Amino acid sequence: QVQLVESGGGLVQVGGSLRLSCAASGLTFTSYAMGWFRQAPGKERDFVAAINWRGDSTYYADSIKGRFTISRDNAKNTVYLQMNSLKPGDTAVYYCAAELRRGVVPRRVPDYTYWGQGTQVTVSS
């Protein structure tokens, strides 16, 4: 079955950086669009970034544009989220998601079928 396993979360100070990874298995990775979402306590799960199957089209939420970069390595079945200039407002559980799609890249929670268990990112001031 499809499994998505996130890693790389942790505690970081304001202005610091983290790189999240999401290792996928049980699927033909190159047939899937991949996304990152985040959910802060008491809030809804929000879109962060998404990437198409080839890795040449990326999309970002306005709140993180210019600070975060999504990328993928199809040889390793892994998608990454490089997060720079982190702010306290970036504190959340970050989730990786996969959707069987080679066309328009989905950017909404209901558009994704498969989800990871999440990894906590805490930005301290």
Protein backbone atom coordinates (compact mmCIF):
# COMPACT_ATOMS: atom_id res chain seq x y z
CA GLN A 1 0.00 0.00 0.00
CA VAL A 2 1.00 3.63 -0.38
CA GLN A 3 3.10 4.98 2.47
CA LEU A 4 4.42 8.50 2.96
CA VAL A 5 6.91 9.06 5.75
CA GLU A 6 7.97 12.58 6.71
CA SER A 7 11.15 13.44 8.54
CA GLY A 8 13.30 16.45 9.33
CA GLY A 9 11.05 18.38 11.66
CA GLY A 10 12.22 19.78 14.96
CA LEU A 11 12.82 22.87 17.06
CA VAL A 12 14.54 25.83 15.42
CA GLN A 13 15.05 29.48 16.31
CA VAL A 14 13.55 32.38 14.42
CA GLY A 15 15.45 32.92 11.19
CA GLY A 16 16.72 29.37 11.08
CA SER A 17 16.27 26.67 8.46
CA LEU A 18 15.00 23.12 8.24
CA ARG A 19 14.64 20.65 5.40
CA LEU A 20 11.72 18.27 5.50
CA SER A 21 11.77 15.02 3.56
CA CYS A 22 8.94 12.74 2.55
CA ALA A 23 9.81 9.23 1.42
CA ALA A 24 7.12 7.53 -0.66
CA SER A 25 6.63 3.82 -1.21
CA GLY A 26 4.00 1.56 -2.70
CA LEU A 27 3.35 3.80 -5.68
CA THR A 28 4.75 4.76 -9.06
CA PHE A 29 6.24 8.00 -7.82
CA THR A 30 6.53 9.63 -11.24
CA SER A 31 2.75 9.39 -11.71
CA TYR A 32 2.04 11.49 -8.63
CA ALA A 33 1.85 15.16 -7.86
CA MET A 34 3.17 15.87 -4.37
CA GLY A 35 2.20 18.50 -1.86
CA TRP A 36 3.10 19.86 1.54
CA PHE A 37 0.47 21.11 3.95
CA ARG A 38 0.61 22.32 7.54
CA GLN A 39 -1.74 22.46 10.47
CA ALA A 40 -1.29 24.66 13.51
CA PRO A 41 -3.12 23.88 16.79
CA GLY A 42 -6.78 24.76 16.54
CA LYS A 43 -6.56 25.65 12.86
CA GLU A 44 -7.40 24.00 9.58
CA ARG A 45 -4.85 22.19 7.46
CA ASP A 46 -3.46 24.67 4.94
CA PHE A 47 -1.67 24.37 1.63
CA VAL A 48 2.05 25.16 1.68
CA ALA A 49 3.57 23.98 -1.60
CA ALA A 50 3.08 21.50 -4.42
CA ILE A 51 5.10 20.08 -7.29
CA ASN A 52 4.23 18.24 -10.46
CA TRP A 53 5.42 14.76 -11.34
CA ARG A 54 8.45 15.93 -13.29
CA GLY A 55 9.49 18.53 -10.76
CA ASP A 56 9.42 21.41 -13.22
CA SER A 57 6.25 23.12 -11.99
CA THR A 58 5.94 24.34 -8.42
CA TYR A 59 3.29 26.25 -6.50
CA TYR A 60 3.46 28.06 -3.17
CA ALA A 61 1.20 29.65 -0.62
CA ASP A 62 1.67 33.41 -0.47
CA SER A 63 2.65 33.23 3.20
CA ILE A 64 5.82 31.23 2.48
CA LYS A 65 6.72 32.36 -1.03
CA GLY A 66 10.40 33.26 -1.28
CA ARG A 67 11.27 31.42 1.94
CA PHE A 68 10.33 27.80 1.20
CA THR A 69 11.31 25.62 -1.77
CA ILE A 70 9.72 22.33 -2.78
CA SER A 71 11.68 19.83 -4.83
CA ARG A 72 11.64 16.14 -5.63
CA ASP A 73 14.09 13.38 -6.47
CA ASN A 74 12.25 10.81 -8.57
CA ALA A 75 15.16 8.38 -8.37
CA LYS A 76 14.76 8.33 -4.57
CA ASN A 77 10.95 8.55 -4.43
CA THR A 78 11.34 11.55 -2.16
CA VAL A 79 9.96 15.07 -2.02
CA TYR A 80 11.60 17.84 0.01
CA LEU A 81 10.61 21.13 1.57
CA GLN A 82 13.49 23.48 2.26
CA MET A 83 12.36 26.07 4.79
CA ASN A 84 14.45 29.20 5.35
CA SER A 85 13.95 32.37 7.39
CA LEU A 86 11.54 30.56 9.65
CA LYS A 87 9.06 32.55 11.72
CA PRO A 88 6.99 31.65 14.80
CA GLY A 89 3.93 31.58 12.53
CA ASP A 90 5.46 28.64 10.67
CA THR A 91 5.03 26.47 13.76
CA ALA A 92 2.77 23.57 12.80
CA VAL A 93 2.62 19.90 11.98
CA TYR A 94 3.73 19.52 8.38
CA TYR A 95 2.15 16.84 6.21
CA CYS A 96 3.22 15.35 2.92
CA ALA A 97 0.51 14.35 0.44
CA ALA A 98 0.36 12.47 -2.85
CA GLU A 99 -2.19 12.43 -5.64
CA LEU A 100 -2.21 10.37 -8.82
CA ARG A 101 -2.07 13.23 -11.27
CA ARG A 102 0.07 14.25 -14.23
CA GLY A 103 -2.01 17.23 -15.20
CA VAL A 104 -2.97 20.24 -13.10
CA VAL A 105 -1.23 20.11 -9.73
CA PRO A 106 -3.74 20.01 -6.88
CA ARG A 107 -3.49 22.56 -4.09
CA ARG A 108 -6.42 21.75 -1.84
CA VAL A 109 -6.65 19.24 1.00
CA PRO A 110 -9.64 17.34 -0.52
CA ASP A 111 -7.72 16.85 -3.77
CA TYR A 112 -5.13 14.57 -2.18
CA THR A 113 -5.72 10.89 -1.52
CA TYR A 114 -2.61 9.84 0.40
CA TRP A 115 -1.14 11.51 3.47
CA GLY A 116 1.81 11.06 5.75
CA GLN A 117 1.64 11.04 9.53
CA GLY A 118 3.12 14.52 9.84
CA THR A 119 6.23 16.00 11.38
CA GLN A 120 6.29 18.77 13.98
CA VAL A 121 8.07 22.04 13.22
CA THR A 122 8.43 24.48 16.10
CA VAL A 123 9.97 27.91 15.62
CA SER A 124 10.96 29.58 18.87
CA SER A 125 11.54 33.25 19.46
